[in-house]
Amino acid sequence: IGMTDNRCYAVIEAGTIPPVSVTQTLSTSYPDQDTIEVRLYAGLSEETEKSELVQAVGIGPIRVTGAAIREIDVTFSIDSGGRVRVTAKSIDGDRVNVTVRKEMLGAIAIGPSA
């Protein structure tokens, strides 16, 4: 996942053999935020400039609850064909829409080379 400081952190480690799903809890940055933008990168670098953008997604609308920061469980899945899928739900169980804003690759290879 790409962060605002142009750094990446791994959600699914390199060498993992698909299919695989990992859930991470993300949170809004300010109280009335109704969307979280997430950029997914493939590569071994911790820098976004040295990694390949796979997908950019918008998560929302997130139900605004006044002054509270919202937490969203986001599940990142890679199927056996290497296709990426992102799903989300709020901590209190509300399903949250995920909209693919940009898809750079149809599939990615994260398992060992044959």
Protein backbone atom coordinates (compact mmCIF):
# COMPACT_ATOMS: atom_id res chain seq x y z
CA ILE A 1 0.00 0.00 0.00
CA GLY A 2 1.36 3.44 -0.91
CA MET A 3 1.41 6.03 1.86
CA THR A 4 1.25 9.82 1.58
CA ASP A 5 5.01 10.12 2.23
CA ASN A 6 5.76 8.09 -0.97
CA ARG A 7 6.66 5.00 1.04
CA CYS A 8 5.09 1.55 0.69
CA TYR A 9 4.39 -1.13 3.19
CA ALA A 10 3.73 -4.76 2.37
CA VAL A 11 0.29 -6.23 2.84
CA ILE A 12 1.08 -9.47 1.01
CA GLU A 13 4.74 -10.46 1.17
CA ALA A 14 6.72 -11.26 -1.99
CA GLY A 15 6.92 -14.99 -2.61
CA THR A 16 3.43 -15.68 -1.26
CA ILE A 17 1.68 -18.26 -3.40
CA PRO A 18 -1.87 -17.28 -4.43
CA PRO A 19 -4.70 -17.55 -3.76
CA VAL A 20 -4.28 -15.36 -0.69
CA SER A 21 -6.33 -12.81 1.24
CA VAL A 22 -5.14 -10.40 3.92
CA THR A 23 -7.28 -7.96 5.91
CA GLN A 24 -5.86 -4.66 7.18
CA THR A 25 -7.66 -2.06 9.28
CA LEU A 26 -7.41 1.42 7.73
CA SER A 27 -8.84 4.58 9.23
CA THR A 28 -10.03 7.93 8.03
CA SER A 29 -7.66 10.86 8.61
CA TYR A 30 -10.22 13.41 9.74
CA PRO A 31 -13.72 13.26 11.28
CA ASP A 32 -16.03 13.90 8.28
CA GLN A 33 -13.95 12.03 5.70
CA ASP A 34 -16.23 9.83 3.60
CA THR A 35 -13.69 8.19 1.25
CA ILE A 36 -10.27 6.54 1.65
CA GLU A 37 -8.01 6.45 -1.41
CA VAL A 38 -5.67 3.45 -1.58
CA ARG A 39 -2.86 2.82 -4.09
CA LEU A 40 -1.61 -0.73 -4.44
CA TYR A 41 1.97 -1.33 -5.58
CA ALA A 42 3.94 -4.44 -6.56
CA GLY A 43 7.66 -4.65 -5.99
CA LEU A 44 10.33 -5.12 -3.37
CA SER A 45 11.13 -1.46 -2.73
CA GLU A 46 9.74 0.56 0.18
CA GLU A 47 9.56 3.59 -2.17
CA THR A 48 6.56 4.12 -4.44
CA GLU A 49 8.77 5.54 -7.22
CA LYS A 50 10.65 2.22 -7.41
CA SER A 51 7.50 0.05 -7.32
CA GLU A 52 4.85 -0.62 -9.94
CA LEU A 53 1.37 0.83 -9.42
CA VAL A 54 -1.07 -2.06 -9.75
CA GLN A 55 -4.34 -0.46 -8.79
CA ALA A 56 -5.79 2.72 -7.28
CA VAL A 57 -9.10 2.32 -5.46
CA GLY A 58 -11.53 4.55 -3.64
CA ILE A 59 -13.20 3.10 -0.55
CA GLY A 60 -16.50 4.75 0.25
CA PRO A 61 -18.79 6.38 0.77
CA ILE A 62 -18.07 5.80 4.44
CA ARG A 63 -20.95 6.65 6.75
CA VAL A 64 -20.02 9.90 8.49
CA THR A 65 -20.66 9.76 12.24
CA GLY A 66 -19.86 13.28 13.34
CA ALA A 67 -16.55 13.81 15.10
CA ALA A 68 -15.42 10.17 15.04
CA ILE A 69 -12.54 8.78 13.00
CA ARG A 70 -13.83 5.67 11.21
CA GLU A 71 -12.02 2.34 10.95
CA ILE A 72 -12.51 0.19 7.86
CA ASP A 73 -11.47 -3.46 7.44
CA VAL A 74 -10.04 -3.72 3.93
CA THR A 75 -9.38 -7.17 2.46
CA PHE A 76 -6.79 -7.49 -0.28
CA SER A 77 -7.07 -10.73 -2.26
CA ILE A 78 -5.06 -12.21 -5.10
CA ASP A 79 -6.63 -15.17 -6.89
CA SER A 80 -4.76 -18.08 -8.44
CA GLY A 81 -4.62 -16.15 -11.76
CA GLY A 82 -2.92 -13.16 -10.09
CA ARG A 83 -5.97 -10.87 -10.23
CA VAL A 84 -6.28 -8.35 -7.39
CA ARG A 85 -9.58 -7.79 -5.59
CA VAL A 86 -10.27 -5.33 -2.80
CA THR A 87 -13.31 -5.46 -0.50
CA ALA A 88 -14.16 -3.36 2.55
CA LYS A 89 -16.50 -3.09 5.52
CA SER A 90 -16.65 -0.76 8.49
CA ILE A 91 -15.68 -2.08 11.92
CA ASP A 92 -19.38 -1.99 12.91
CA GLY A 93 -20.26 -4.25 9.96
CA ASP A 94 -21.48 -1.80 7.30
CA ARG A 95 -20.41 -2.91 3.80
CA VAL A 96 -18.41 -0.16 2.09
CA ASN A 97 -18.15 0.17 -1.68
CA VAL A 98 -14.77 -0.15 -3.39
CA THR A 99 -14.36 1.62 -6.72
CA VAL A 100 -11.37 0.82 -8.94
CA ARG A 101 -10.09 4.22 -10.06
CA LYS A 102 -7.15 2.93 -12.11
CA GLU A 103 -6.02 -0.57 -12.96
CA MET A 104 -2.53 -0.81 -14.40
CA LEU A 105 -2.17 -4.58 -14.72
CA GLY A 106 -4.69 -7.33 -15.27
CA ALA A 107 -2.77 -9.68 -13.00
CA ILE A 108 0.40 -9.69 -10.94
CA ALA A 109 2.92 -12.42 -10.21
CA ILE A 110 3.86 -12.70 -6.55
CA GLY A 111 4.67 -16.38 -6.25
CA PRO A 112 7.97 -18.07 -7.07
CA SER A 113 8.98 -18.17 -10.73
CA ALA A 114 8.53 -21.47 -12.52
